[in-house]
Amino acid sequence: MSFKRRFAAGLIICGAISSARAEPFKIVGFGDSLMAGFGLGPGQGFTDKLQAALRARGHDVTVADAGVSGDTSSGGLARLDWSVPDGTQLVILELGANDMLRGVSPDITRKNLDAMLGKLKERKIAMLLAGMRAAPNLGADYQNAFDAIFPNLAGKYAVPLYPFFLDGVAGQPTLQLEDGLHPNAGGVDLMVERILPTVEKAIAAAPGGS
């Protein structure tokens, strides 16, 4: 091979390597209205603010919003395959709040979340499980059974767990919309701040993460 051809081939290879390295780490936030940014303006939702926070800390990432308001764990399981595209490297799985609000049996919620985690594992996609907690008015038995779902499944699949997605926001009117259920923009800021270290660890542990 002539020098010119070798040089050209080298440029092509280097270009391909540079292009591959330029690809951002792809995260999908898969959940319900808490993930979808219910009641908030453009750029104020969880995925947008998480992406901005990660980029500010030097991570080359995209965070796609696959949240659907009102979604239950059954709905999430039904749409998982087409809502999480090929090439996704990390899924933040946040579902269960609407199951709890509707009084769905914790056994059903557990089964659905288990199936979703299993599907993502089969696709070799890294996972971060965002937990939810039951309202006390549902009774101790329900509360104990529901709250145990998330740490138990995180242990089963050896995935990182963020114990309570609304940590610091639940029960704080100044951080919530008027409905008393969803975070306002300030609430989302706090949620992102608190979950950020867990997300960074999940990125570092995932294939292709840094």
Protein backbone atom coordinates (compact mmCIF):
# COMPACT_ATOMS: atom_id res chain seq x y z
CA MET A 1 0.00 0.00 0.00
CA SER A 2 1.34 3.43 -0.93
CA PHE A 3 2.03 6.11 1.63
CA LYS A 4 -0.94 8.15 0.41
CA ARG A 5 -3.31 5.20 0.77
CA ARG A 6 -1.99 4.34 4.23
CA PHE A 7 -2.33 7.98 5.26
CA ALA A 8 -5.90 8.14 3.96
CA ALA A 9 -6.79 4.86 5.67
CA GLY A 10 -5.33 6.21 8.91
CA LEU A 11 -7.46 9.33 8.66
CA ILE A 12 -10.57 7.23 8.12
CA ILE A 13 -9.82 5.04 11.15
CA CYS A 14 -9.03 8.03 13.33
CA GLY A 15 -12.21 9.71 12.18
CA ALA A 16 -14.27 6.65 13.05
CA ILE A 17 -12.69 6.44 16.50
CA SER A 18 -13.26 10.14 17.12
CA SER A 19 -16.87 9.80 16.00
CA ALA A 20 -17.44 6.87 18.35
CA ARG A 21 -15.90 8.75 21.24
CA ALA A 22 -18.06 11.78 20.45
CA GLU A 23 -21.27 9.82 21.06
CA PRO A 24 -22.89 10.95 24.32
CA PHE A 25 -23.86 8.48 27.03
CA LYS A 26 -27.56 7.80 26.53
CA ILE A 27 -29.89 7.79 29.54
CA VAL A 28 -33.65 7.27 29.49
CA GLY A 29 -35.84 8.42 32.37
CA PHE A 30 -38.70 5.90 32.31
CA GLY A 31 -41.61 6.66 34.59
CA ASP A 32 -44.84 8.53 35.23
CA SER A 33 -45.81 12.19 35.70
CA LEU A 34 -43.00 12.70 38.20
CA MET A 35 -40.55 11.90 35.42
CA ALA A 36 -42.57 13.64 32.70
CA GLY A 37 -42.60 17.02 34.45
CA PHE A 38 -46.34 17.32 34.98
CA GLY A 39 -47.46 20.95 35.36
CA LEU A 40 -44.03 22.39 34.60
CA GLY A 41 -42.76 24.56 31.75
CA PRO A 42 -40.21 23.69 29.08
CA GLY A 43 -36.84 22.79 30.56
CA GLN A 44 -38.20 22.52 34.11
CA GLY A 45 -38.81 18.78 34.21
CA PHE A 46 -36.63 16.19 35.90
CA THR A 47 -34.91 14.81 32.81
CA ASP A 48 -34.04 18.25 31.43
CA LYS A 49 -32.62 19.41 34.73
CA LEU A 50 -30.76 16.15 35.33
CA GLN A 51 -29.15 16.41 31.91
CA ALA A 52 -28.09 20.00 32.61
CA ALA A 53 -26.67 19.06 36.00
CA LEU A 54 -24.70 16.12 34.62
CA ARG A 55 -23.30 18.18 31.77
CA ALA A 56 -22.31 20.92 34.22
CA ARG A 57 -20.27 18.26 36.05
CA GLY A 58 -18.47 17.26 32.85
CA HIS A 59 -20.55 14.27 31.74
CA ASP A 60 -21.28 14.02 28.02
CA VAL A 61 -24.83 12.67 28.30
CA THR A 62 -28.32 12.90 26.91
CA VAL A 63 -31.28 12.24 29.20
CA ALA A 64 -34.45 11.37 27.29
CA ASP A 65 -37.86 11.78 28.88
CA ALA A 66 -39.91 8.59 28.64
CA GLY A 67 -42.35 9.59 31.35
CA VAL A 68 -46.12 9.27 30.83
CA SER A 69 -48.49 11.02 33.20
CA GLY A 70 -50.83 8.63 34.96
CA ASP A 71 -48.78 5.58 34.04
CA THR A 72 -48.89 2.55 36.30
CA SER A 73 -46.41 -0.30 36.46
CA SER A 74 -48.73 -2.29 34.16
CA GLY A 75 -48.71 0.51 31.60
CA GLY A 76 -44.96 0.82 31.87
CA LEU A 77 -44.44 -2.87 31.25
CA ALA A 78 -46.67 -2.72 28.18
CA ARG A 79 -44.69 0.11 26.57
CA LEU A 80 -41.18 -0.62 27.81
CA ASP A 81 -39.82 -2.22 24.65
CA TRP A 82 -40.68 0.67 22.33
CA SER A 83 -40.14 3.47 24.87
CA VAL A 84 -36.51 2.49 25.51
CA PRO A 85 -34.71 2.61 22.14
CA ASP A 86 -31.74 0.53 21.12
CA GLY A 87 -28.51 2.21 22.11
CA THR A 88 -29.78 3.25 25.53
CA GLN A 89 -27.03 2.73 28.10
CA LEU A 90 -28.82 3.52 31.37
CA VAL A 91 -32.48 3.53 32.36
CA ILE A 92 -33.72 5.32 35.46
CA LEU A 93 -36.82 3.29 36.27
CA GLU A 94 -39.39 5.27 38.28
CA LEU A 95 -42.83 3.71 38.52
CA GLY A 96 -45.21 2.66 41.27
CA ALA A 97 -46.65 5.92 42.59
CA ASN A 98 -49.90 5.57 40.65
CA ASP A 99 -50.20 1.93 41.64
CA MET A 100 -50.00 3.04 45.26
CA LEU A 101 -52.48 5.90 44.84
CA ARG A 102 -54.96 3.49 43.24
CA GLY A 103 -54.44 0.84 45.90
CA VAL A 104 -53.09 -1.71 43.44
CA SER A 105 -51.86 -4.85 45.16
CA PRO A 106 -48.12 -4.60 45.92
CA ASP A 107 -47.79 -8.11 44.49
CA ILE A 108 -48.87 -6.81 41.07
CA THR A 109 -46.54 -3.81 41.26
CA ARG A 110 -43.67 -6.05 42.24
CA LYS A 111 -44.37 -8.49 39.40
CA ASN A 112 -44.48 -5.71 36.81
CA LEU A 113 -41.31 -3.99 38.00
CA ASP A 114 -39.56 -7.36 38.18
CA ALA A 115 -40.52 -8.05 34.56
CA MET A 116 -39.26 -4.63 33.44
CA LEU A 117 -35.93 -5.07 35.18
CA GLY A 118 -35.62 -8.51 33.65
CA LYS A 119 -36.28 -7.19 30.15
CA LEU A 120 -33.70 -4.42 30.54
CA LYS A 121 -31.16 -6.90 31.88
CA GLU A 122 -31.71 -9.13 28.84
CA ARG A 123 -30.98 -6.12 26.65
CA LYS A 124 -27.79 -5.46 28.64
CA ILE A 125 -28.95 -1.98 29.63
CA ALA A 126 -27.70 -0.64 32.97
CA MET A 127 -30.43 0.30 35.44
CA LEU A 128 -31.04 2.62 38.36
CA LEU A 129 -34.20 1.91 40.35
CA ALA A 130 -35.94 4.97 41.81
CA GLY A 131 -38.06 3.93 44.76
CA MET A 132 -41.42 5.14 46.00
CA ARG A 133 -43.07 5.00 49.41
CA ALA A 134 -46.67 4.31 50.28
CA ALA A 135 -48.85 6.90 51.97
CA PRO A 136 -49.42 6.10 55.66
CA ASN A 137 -53.21 6.28 55.28
CA LEU A 138 -53.15 3.05 53.28
CA GLY A 139 -52.39 1.10 56.42
CA ALA A 140 -49.28 -0.52 57.85
CA ASP A 141 -49.66 -3.82 55.99
CA TYR A 142 -49.92 -2.17 52.60
CA GLN A 143 -47.17 0.30 53.43
CA ASN A 144 -44.74 -2.38 54.53
CA ALA A 145 -45.43 -4.59 51.51
CA PHE A 146 -45.19 -1.71 49.02
CA ASP A 147 -42.09 -0.09 50.48
CA ALA A 148 -40.23 -3.41 50.45
CA ILE A 149 -40.66 -3.82 46.68
CA PHE A 150 -37.85 -1.51 45.68
CA PRO A 151 -34.96 -2.61 47.92
CA ASN A 152 -35.84 -6.25 47.32
CA LEU A 153 -35.78 -5.90 43.52
CA ALA A 154 -32.63 -3.78 43.61
CA GLY A 155 -30.98 -6.59 45.53
CA LYS A 156 -32.30 -9.28 43.20
CA TYR A 157 -30.89 -7.56 40.12
CA ALA A 158 -27.84 -6.02 41.82
CA VAL A 159 -28.76 -2.55 40.57
CA PRO A 160 -28.34 0.77 42.37
CA LEU A 161 -31.35 2.01 44.31
CA TYR A 162 -32.35 5.58 45.05
CA PRO A 163 -34.75 4.80 47.91
CA PHE A 164 -37.32 7.59 47.48
CA PHE A 165 -37.66 9.62 44.29
CA LEU A 166 -39.48 12.45 46.13
CA ASP A 167 -36.98 12.62 48.98
CA GLY A 168 -37.08 16.08 50.54
CA VAL A 169 -40.08 17.14 48.44
CA ALA A 170 -42.97 14.98 49.67
CA GLY A 171 -44.95 16.81 52.32
CA GLN A 172 -43.27 20.15 51.59
CA PRO A 173 -45.89 22.57 50.15
CA THR A 174 -43.29 25.12 49.08
CA LEU A 175 -41.70 22.51 46.81
CA GLN A 176 -44.93 21.15 45.36
CA LEU A 177 -47.62 22.20 42.93
CA GLU A 178 -51.03 23.07 44.33
CA ASP A 179 -52.14 19.45 43.98
CA GLY A 180 -49.79 18.48 46.79
CA LEU A 181 -48.48 15.54 44.77
CA HIS A 182 -46.12 16.81 42.09
CA PRO A 183 -42.93 18.83 42.52
CA ASN A 184 -42.71 22.41 41.33
CA ALA A 185 -39.56 23.71 39.64
CA GLY A 186 -37.84 24.20 42.99
CA GLY A 187 -38.82 20.70 44.02
CA VAL A 188 -37.30 19.28 40.85
CA ASP A 189 -34.08 21.17 41.58
CA LEU A 190 -33.86 19.46 44.97
CA MET A 191 -34.70 16.04 43.51
CA VAL A 192 -31.93 16.39 40.94
CA GLU A 193 -29.44 17.61 43.54
CA ARG A 194 -30.13 14.64 45.81
CA ILE A 195 -30.18 11.90 43.18
CA LEU A 196 -27.18 13.23 41.25
CA PRO A 197 -24.47 11.28 43.15
CA THR A 198 -26.38 8.02 42.64
CA VAL A 199 -26.79 8.71 38.92
CA GLU A 200 -23.08 9.50 38.59
CA LYS A 201 -22.18 6.19 40.24
CA ALA A 202 -24.58 4.35 37.92
CA ILE A 203 -22.97 6.00 34.89
CA ALA A 204 -19.48 5.12 36.09
CA ALA A 205 -20.49 1.47 36.60
CA ALA A 206 -22.27 1.11 33.25
CA PRO A 207 -20.51 -0.09 30.08
CA GLY A 208 -19.34 2.98 28.20
CA GLY A 209 -19.77 5.23 31.22
CA SER A 210 -17.17 7.48 32.76
